[in-house]
Protein backbone atom coordinates (compact mmCIF):
# COMPACT_ATOMS: atom_id res chain seq x y z
CA MET A 1 133.19 48.45 87.15
CA GLN A 2 129.60 48.28 85.92
CA TRP A 3 128.26 50.87 83.50
CA PRO A 4 125.59 52.30 85.88
CA LEU A 5 128.35 53.22 88.35
CA LEU A 6 130.42 54.75 85.54
CA LEU A 7 127.38 56.77 84.47
CA ILE A 8 126.85 58.04 88.03
CA ILE A 9 130.51 59.07 88.33
CA PHE A 10 130.42 60.82 84.94
CA THR A 11 127.22 62.69 85.87
CA TYR A 12 128.68 63.70 89.24
CA LEU A 13 131.85 65.08 87.64
CA LEU A 14 129.84 66.88 84.95
CA ALA A 15 127.68 68.53 87.62
CA ASN A 16 130.83 69.61 89.47
CA PHE A 17 132.19 71.25 86.32
CA TYR A 18 128.87 73.04 85.86
CA LEU A 19 128.86 74.40 89.43
CA PHE A 20 132.51 75.36 89.14
CA ARG A 21 131.70 77.42 86.04
CA GLN A 22 129.05 79.29 88.04
CA LEU A 23 131.78 80.47 90.42
CA LYS A 24 133.64 82.35 87.68
CA ASP A 25 132.16 85.77 88.53
CA ILE A 26 133.14 85.36 92.18
CA LEU A 27 136.63 84.09 91.29
CA LEU A 28 137.26 87.14 89.08
CA LEU A 29 136.86 89.36 92.14
CA LEU A 30 139.77 87.63 93.91
CA THR A 31 143.50 88.11 93.55
CA THR A 32 145.43 85.35 91.78
CA PRO A 33 146.72 83.56 94.91
CA TRP A 34 143.26 83.41 96.48
CA ARG A 35 141.75 82.33 93.18
CA GLN A 36 144.19 79.43 92.97
CA ILE A 37 143.48 78.43 96.59
CA ILE A 38 139.71 78.39 95.97
CA ILE A 39 140.08 76.34 92.78
CA CYS A 40 142.33 73.82 94.52
CA LEU A 41 140.02 73.61 97.55
CA TYR A 42 136.93 73.13 95.35
CA TRP A 43 138.37 70.15 93.49
CA CYS A 44 139.84 68.60 96.64
CA ILE A 45 136.33 68.64 98.14
CA ALA A 46 134.77 67.35 94.91
CA LEU A 47 137.19 64.40 94.79
CA ALA A 48 137.40 63.76 98.55
CA LEU A 49 135.07 60.72 98.49
CA PHE A 50 137.14 59.02 95.78
CA ILE A 51 140.29 59.74 97.79
CA SER A 52 138.65 58.36 100.96
CA ILE A 53 137.59 55.11 99.28
CA GLY A 54 140.97 54.75 97.57
CA LEU A 55 142.78 55.10 100.92
CA ARG A 56 140.36 52.92 102.93
CA ASP A 57 143.08 50.39 103.77
CA ALA A 58 145.72 53.02 104.54
CA ALA A 59 146.78 53.64 108.13
CA LEU A 60 145.45 57.21 108.23
CA PRO A 61 144.77 59.03 111.51
CA SER A 62 141.15 58.57 112.56
CA TRP A 63 140.33 62.29 112.32
CA LEU A 64 141.68 62.47 108.76
CA SER A 65 139.91 59.39 107.42
CA HIS A 66 136.59 60.44 109.01
CA SER A 67 136.97 64.00 107.67
CA LEU A 68 137.71 62.85 104.13
CA PHE A 69 134.70 60.55 104.11
CA PHE A 70 132.37 63.11 105.72
CA ILE A 71 133.36 65.94 103.37
CA GLY A 72 133.36 63.79 100.24
CA SER A 73 130.05 62.04 100.90
CA SER A 74 128.37 65.28 101.99
CA TRP A 75 129.47 67.00 98.80
CA LEU A 76 127.54 64.37 96.82
CA ILE A 77 124.32 65.75 98.28
CA VAL A 78 125.43 69.35 97.87
CA VAL A 79 125.82 68.64 94.16
CA LEU A 80 122.52 66.72 94.00
CA TYR A 81 120.55 69.75 95.24
CA MET A 82 122.75 72.66 94.14
CA THR A 83 122.76 71.68 90.47
CA PRO A 84 118.98 71.72 89.80
CA LEU A 85 118.46 74.69 92.14
CA THR A 86 121.14 76.69 90.29
CA LEU A 87 119.57 75.79 86.94
CA LEU A 88 116.20 76.92 88.30
CA MET A 89 117.68 80.25 89.46
CA GLN A 90 119.20 80.79 86.00
CA LEU A 91 115.81 80.14 84.41
CA ILE A 92 114.19 82.68 86.75
CA GLN A 93 116.88 85.19 85.79
CA GLN A 94 116.06 84.69 82.09
CA ILE A 95 112.42 85.50 82.82
CA PHE A 96 113.16 88.34 85.27
CA PRO A 97 116.44 90.00 84.14
CA ARG A 98 116.67 92.12 87.32
CA TYR A 99 116.89 88.95 89.40
CA ARG A 100 120.45 88.50 90.66
CA HIS A 101 122.51 86.36 93.07
CA GLY A 102 120.81 83.11 92.08
CA LEU A 103 123.85 81.04 93.06
CA ILE A 104 123.73 82.45 96.59
CA TYR A 105 120.02 81.67 96.96
CA ALA A 106 120.58 78.15 95.64
CA GLY A 107 123.39 77.73 98.17
CA LEU A 108 121.23 78.93 101.08
CA LEU A 109 118.36 76.62 100.09
CA THR A 110 120.76 73.68 99.85
CA LEU A 111 122.24 74.53 103.24
CA GLY A 112 118.77 74.56 104.80
CA ILE A 113 117.84 71.19 103.25
CA LEU A 114 121.11 69.59 104.37
CA THR A 115 120.81 70.98 107.91
CA TYR A 116 117.38 69.35 108.23
CA GLY A 117 118.66 66.09 106.71
CA TYR A 118 121.66 65.95 109.05
CA ILE A 119 119.55 66.45 112.18
CA HIS A 120 116.91 63.99 110.96
CA HIS A 121 119.40 61.18 110.23
CA PHE A 122 120.00 60.68 113.96
CA HIS A 123 116.32 59.77 114.48
CA VAL A 124 115.44 56.06 114.30
CA ASP A 125 111.84 54.91 113.88
CA VAL A 126 111.02 51.66 115.70
CA TYR A 127 108.26 49.66 113.99
CA ARG A 128 106.44 46.93 115.95
CA TYR A 129 104.57 44.01 114.43
CA ASP A 130 102.64 41.15 116.02
CA ILE A 131 102.91 38.17 113.69
CA GLN A 132 100.91 34.99 114.16
CA ILE A 133 102.15 31.85 112.40
CA ASP A 134 100.09 28.76 111.69
CA LYS A 135 102.98 26.41 112.49
CA LYS A 136 104.48 24.62 115.46
CA LEU A 137 105.77 27.25 117.82
CA SER A 138 106.11 27.61 121.57
CA PRO A 139 103.14 29.44 123.13
CA THR A 140 105.50 32.00 124.67
CA PRO A 141 105.84 35.00 122.29
CA ILE A 142 109.31 35.43 120.78
CA LYS A 143 110.65 38.95 120.37
CA ILE A 144 112.86 39.48 117.31
CA VAL A 145 114.74 42.69 116.54
CA GLY A 146 115.54 43.07 112.85
CA VAL A 147 118.05 45.64 111.60
CA SER A 148 119.97 46.21 108.40
CA ASP A 149 122.59 48.44 106.77
CA ILE A 150 124.57 49.61 109.78
CA HIS A 151 127.61 50.36 107.58
CA LEU A 152 130.29 50.34 110.24
CA GLY A 153 133.37 52.28 109.20
CA GLU A 154 134.13 55.89 108.46
CA GLY A 155 130.42 56.76 108.20
CA THR A 156 129.00 54.98 111.25
CA THR A 157 131.38 55.76 114.09
CA GLN A 158 132.01 54.27 117.55
CA ASP A 159 129.59 56.69 119.20
CA GLN A 160 126.80 55.93 116.73
CA LEU A 161 127.37 52.19 117.11
CA HIS A 162 127.08 52.59 120.88
CA ASP A 163 123.72 54.37 120.44
CA TYR A 164 122.43 51.69 118.05
CA ILE A 165 123.39 48.88 120.43
CA GLU A 166 121.58 50.65 123.26
CA LYS A 167 118.43 50.96 121.12
CA ILE A 168 118.54 47.26 120.21
CA GLN A 169 119.22 46.05 123.74
CA ALA A 170 116.49 48.30 125.17
CA GLU A 171 113.98 46.02 123.40
CA LYS A 172 115.29 42.98 125.36
CA PRO A 173 115.22 40.79 122.24
CA ASP A 174 115.14 37.00 122.24
CA LEU A 175 116.71 37.00 118.78
CA ILE A 176 118.64 39.62 116.76
CA LEU A 177 118.72 39.42 112.97
CA ILE A 178 120.92 41.61 110.72
CA SER A 179 120.01 41.71 107.03
CA GLY A 180 123.44 42.57 105.63
CA ASP A 181 125.77 45.54 105.17
CA LEU A 182 126.97 45.49 108.75
CA ILE A 183 130.32 46.67 107.33
CA ASP A 184 130.80 49.53 104.90
CA HIS A 185 133.94 49.57 102.71
CA GLY A 186 136.45 47.50 104.65
CA VAL A 187 137.58 46.45 108.11
CA THR A 188 140.57 48.73 108.71
CA ALA A 189 138.53 51.38 110.54
CA LEU A 190 136.69 48.68 112.51
CA TYR A 191 139.88 47.24 113.97
CA ARG A 192 141.30 50.72 114.56
CA ASP A 193 138.20 51.79 116.51
CA ALA A 194 137.80 48.46 118.38
CA MET A 195 134.26 47.92 117.07
CA ALA A 196 134.40 44.15 117.60
CA GLN A 197 134.59 44.78 121.34
CA GLN A 198 131.58 47.08 121.12
CA LEU A 199 129.57 44.45 119.24
CA HIS A 200 130.10 42.08 122.19
CA GLN A 201 127.53 44.23 124.00
CA LEU A 202 124.83 42.72 121.76
CA ARG A 203 123.03 39.93 123.60
CA ALA A 204 120.05 37.74 122.76
CA PRO A 205 119.21 34.33 124.31
CA LEU A 206 118.45 32.73 120.92
CA GLY A 207 121.47 34.26 119.24
CA ILE A 208 122.50 36.96 116.75
CA TYR A 209 122.54 36.08 113.06
CA MET A 210 123.35 38.00 109.90
CA VAL A 211 123.82 37.55 106.16
CA PRO A 212 126.30 39.34 103.89
CA GLY A 213 125.30 42.39 101.93
CA ASN A 214 126.87 43.86 98.83
CA HIS A 215 129.12 46.05 100.98
CA GLU A 216 130.71 43.04 102.67
CA TYR A 217 131.73 42.01 99.16
CA LEU A 218 132.93 45.52 98.31
CA GLY A 219 135.03 45.56 101.48
CA GLY A 220 136.43 42.05 100.90
CA MET A 221 134.21 39.14 101.89
CA GLU A 222 136.88 37.03 103.55
CA GLN A 223 138.26 39.93 105.60
CA CYS A 224 134.74 40.89 106.67
CA ALA A 225 133.94 37.28 107.62
CA ALA A 226 137.13 37.14 109.70
CA PHE A 227 136.11 40.32 111.54
CA ILE A 228 132.57 39.04 112.20
CA SER A 229 134.02 35.80 113.62
CA LYS A 230 135.52 37.93 116.43
CA THR A 231 132.03 39.11 117.46
CA PRO A 232 128.98 37.28 118.92
CA ILE A 233 127.34 37.46 115.48
CA ARG A 234 127.00 34.29 113.42
CA LEU A 235 127.36 34.88 109.68
CA LEU A 236 125.12 32.73 107.46
CA ARG A 237 126.17 32.26 103.84
CA ASP A 238 123.70 29.93 102.16
CA GLU A 239 123.24 28.16 105.49
CA ILE A 240 120.40 27.11 107.76
CA ALA A 241 120.41 27.79 111.50
CA THR A 242 117.84 25.82 113.52
CA LEU A 243 117.11 27.30 116.94
CA PRO A 244 116.23 25.23 120.04
CA ASN A 245 112.58 26.29 119.75
CA GLY A 246 112.36 24.97 116.17
CA ILE A 247 112.61 28.28 114.29
CA GLN A 248 114.70 27.86 111.13
CA ILE A 249 116.71 30.79 109.77
CA ILE A 250 117.72 30.64 106.12
CA GLY A 251 120.67 32.94 105.55
CA ARG A 252 121.19 33.59 101.85
CA ASP A 253 124.48 34.82 100.49
CA ASP A 254 124.19 38.19 98.81
CA TYR A 255 123.08 38.63 95.21
CA SER A 256 126.63 39.90 94.56
CA ASN A 257 127.70 36.26 94.64
CA LYS A 258 126.38 34.96 91.32
CA LYS A 259 127.15 31.40 92.47
CA ARG A 260 124.95 31.56 95.56
CA LYS A 261 122.60 28.64 96.08
CA GLU A 262 119.03 28.70 94.86
CA LEU A 263 116.44 29.33 97.56
CA SER A 264 114.61 26.14 96.58
CA SER A 265 117.80 24.18 97.30
CA LEU A 266 118.13 25.72 100.75
CA LEU A 267 114.47 25.04 101.55
CA LYS A 268 115.06 21.32 101.02
CA GLN A 269 117.18 21.43 104.19
CA THR A 270 114.28 22.77 106.28
CA ASN A 271 111.12 21.36 107.83
CA PRO A 272 108.14 23.28 106.36
CA ALA A 273 106.04 22.36 109.42
CA GLN A 274 108.34 24.56 111.54
CA PRO A 275 108.61 28.38 111.25
CA ILE A 276 111.00 29.58 108.55
CA ILE A 277 112.64 33.02 108.56
CA LEU A 278 114.53 34.16 105.45
CA LEU A 279 117.38 36.66 105.65
CA ASP A 280 118.22 38.02 102.20
CA HIS A 281 119.94 41.39 101.92
CA GLN A 282 118.38 42.48 98.63
CA PRO A 283 114.55 42.28 98.39
CA ARG A 284 114.32 40.47 95.07
CA CYS A 285 111.75 37.96 93.77
CA LEU A 286 109.28 38.56 96.60
CA ALA A 287 106.29 37.36 94.58
CA GLU A 288 108.13 34.08 93.88
CA ASN A 289 109.22 33.72 97.50
CA ALA A 290 105.62 34.15 98.64
CA LYS A 291 104.75 30.84 96.95
CA LEU A 292 107.23 29.03 99.22
CA PRO A 293 106.73 27.97 102.88
CA ILE A 294 108.49 31.10 104.20
CA ASP A 295 106.84 32.86 107.13
CA LEU A 296 108.97 35.99 107.49
CA GLN A 297 111.54 37.62 105.22
CA LEU A 298 113.86 40.40 106.38
CA SER A 299 115.78 42.47 103.84
CA GLY A 300 117.45 45.86 103.50
CA HIS A 301 119.78 47.28 100.86
CA THR A 302 117.50 49.93 99.38
CA HIS A 303 117.82 52.58 102.15
CA HIS A 304 114.51 53.63 100.54
CA GLY A 305 116.69 55.91 98.46
CA GLN A 306 117.97 57.67 101.61
CA ILE A 307 117.72 61.06 99.88
CA TRP A 308 114.66 62.42 98.09
CA PRO A 309 113.95 61.97 95.19
CA LEU A 310 116.00 58.75 95.06
CA ASN A 311 113.22 56.98 96.98
CA TRP A 312 111.17 57.25 93.78
CA LEU A 313 113.90 55.27 92.04
CA THR A 314 113.99 52.47 94.65
CA ASP A 315 110.19 52.27 94.57
CA TYR A 316 110.45 51.72 90.81
CA LEU A 317 113.29 49.18 90.95
CA PHE A 318 112.00 46.92 93.74
CA GLU A 319 108.67 45.16 94.31
CA GLN A 320 108.84 46.44 97.89
CA SER A 321 111.52 48.98 98.70
CA ASN A 322 110.54 49.89 102.22
CA GLY A 323 108.51 48.87 105.27
CA TYR A 324 106.17 46.00 106.02
CA LYS A 325 103.85 44.11 103.70
CA GLN A 326 102.21 40.70 103.73
CA TRP A 327 102.56 38.60 100.59
CA GLY A 328 100.07 35.78 101.01
CA GLN A 329 101.23 33.88 104.10
CA MET A 330 104.69 35.48 103.97
CA HIS A 331 105.41 38.59 106.04
CA VAL A 332 108.10 40.87 104.56
CA PHE A 333 109.97 43.77 106.13
CA VAL A 334 112.40 45.81 104.03
CA SER A 335 114.44 48.11 106.24
CA SER A 336 115.48 51.61 105.20
CA GLY A 337 118.62 50.94 107.22
CA LEU A 338 119.49 51.52 110.82
CA SER A 339 122.30 53.75 109.61
CA LEU A 340 123.37 55.21 106.28
CA TRP A 341 125.75 54.76 103.41
CA GLY A 342 127.94 57.74 102.71
CA PRO A 343 126.39 61.18 103.29
CA PRO A 344 125.01 61.69 106.81
CA PHE A 345 121.61 62.93 105.67
CA ARG A 346 118.05 61.57 105.67
CA ILE A 347 115.78 63.64 103.43
CA GLY A 348 112.34 62.23 102.71
CA THR A 349 113.22 58.89 104.38
CA THR A 350 113.81 57.62 107.92
CA SER A 351 116.30 55.28 109.59
CA ASP A 352 114.51 52.31 111.15
CA MET A 353 114.53 49.02 113.02
CA ALA A 354 111.75 46.45 113.37
CA VAL A 355 110.56 44.58 116.45
CA PHE A 356 108.53 41.44 115.73
CA THR A 357 106.53 39.52 118.31
CA LEU A 358 106.24 36.02 116.88
CA GLN A 359 103.61 33.63 118.23
CA PRO A 360 101.37 30.78 117.02
CA LYS A 361 97.88 31.49 115.75
CA GLN A 362 95.25 31.22 118.45
């Protein structure tokens, strides 16, 4: 386990202890049995996400596995907002001693923020781009739908997958490209909920292609690849797919695989006179990629932070953490994710998908 993840877990547990201490005045008002029930319930909720991930391969009833994941991941965001708001209320109380019930106000503010974020996470922005390429390409425009970070599993359910497929198919795409993290933490829930059959509703004349993301590795790369092989999606791991119209898709393995091939090595297998599309889950080295004969790069991974103020962090860590930008002759789109990881909230960010109309320069 890497130290940043350990630091996050430690901070999360520390914040939970802090919030628990703030409950002491309320707990003192309760009788011993009720006090013990509240304490037990608090820590079950605080640890629910760890329990959910630990039992991801267990044959739990669907309602139980979904509930554990929903409660545990939601509590992450409760802690993210409740902790600074409670500290703020305590500071106000130091300045204005008559001020009381700060914990309640912090709770109500957090509830309002989370209610907005939950409603907003169902909304998907569709971005449309007309891209002209100075390479050999059929005169008929090609419509490409690009999505990323669907995170099928306990977070993205059957019903949500159905809605996403409808949105994609409504665009009548010629080509569908998935920039990784199709799967969340494993395939058990996907087989249980028959999601492979649902994915057979995806159709595109030129095919459906994807690359692995870090979550395919977290869930077990070989098991995820076996699941994807039962769908109409073709998984590219350091491979080139050449379409009948000459478009070449470079599918890079995820950065999680430290032995993945260099991009320069993969480019040697392509014809630079023909259009080249790069699928790479994590948007790294964009300035370097822009010097290569790549026309369009699709990435994801960042979720643009998903929850404010984490979008400030992704903006700092990545050259481009969200949206569309042209780097020289290379067009880049970094998706915030069609769906979400973990908590079902979008605060300060938006779920998205991109529709590209690809055609030669006039």
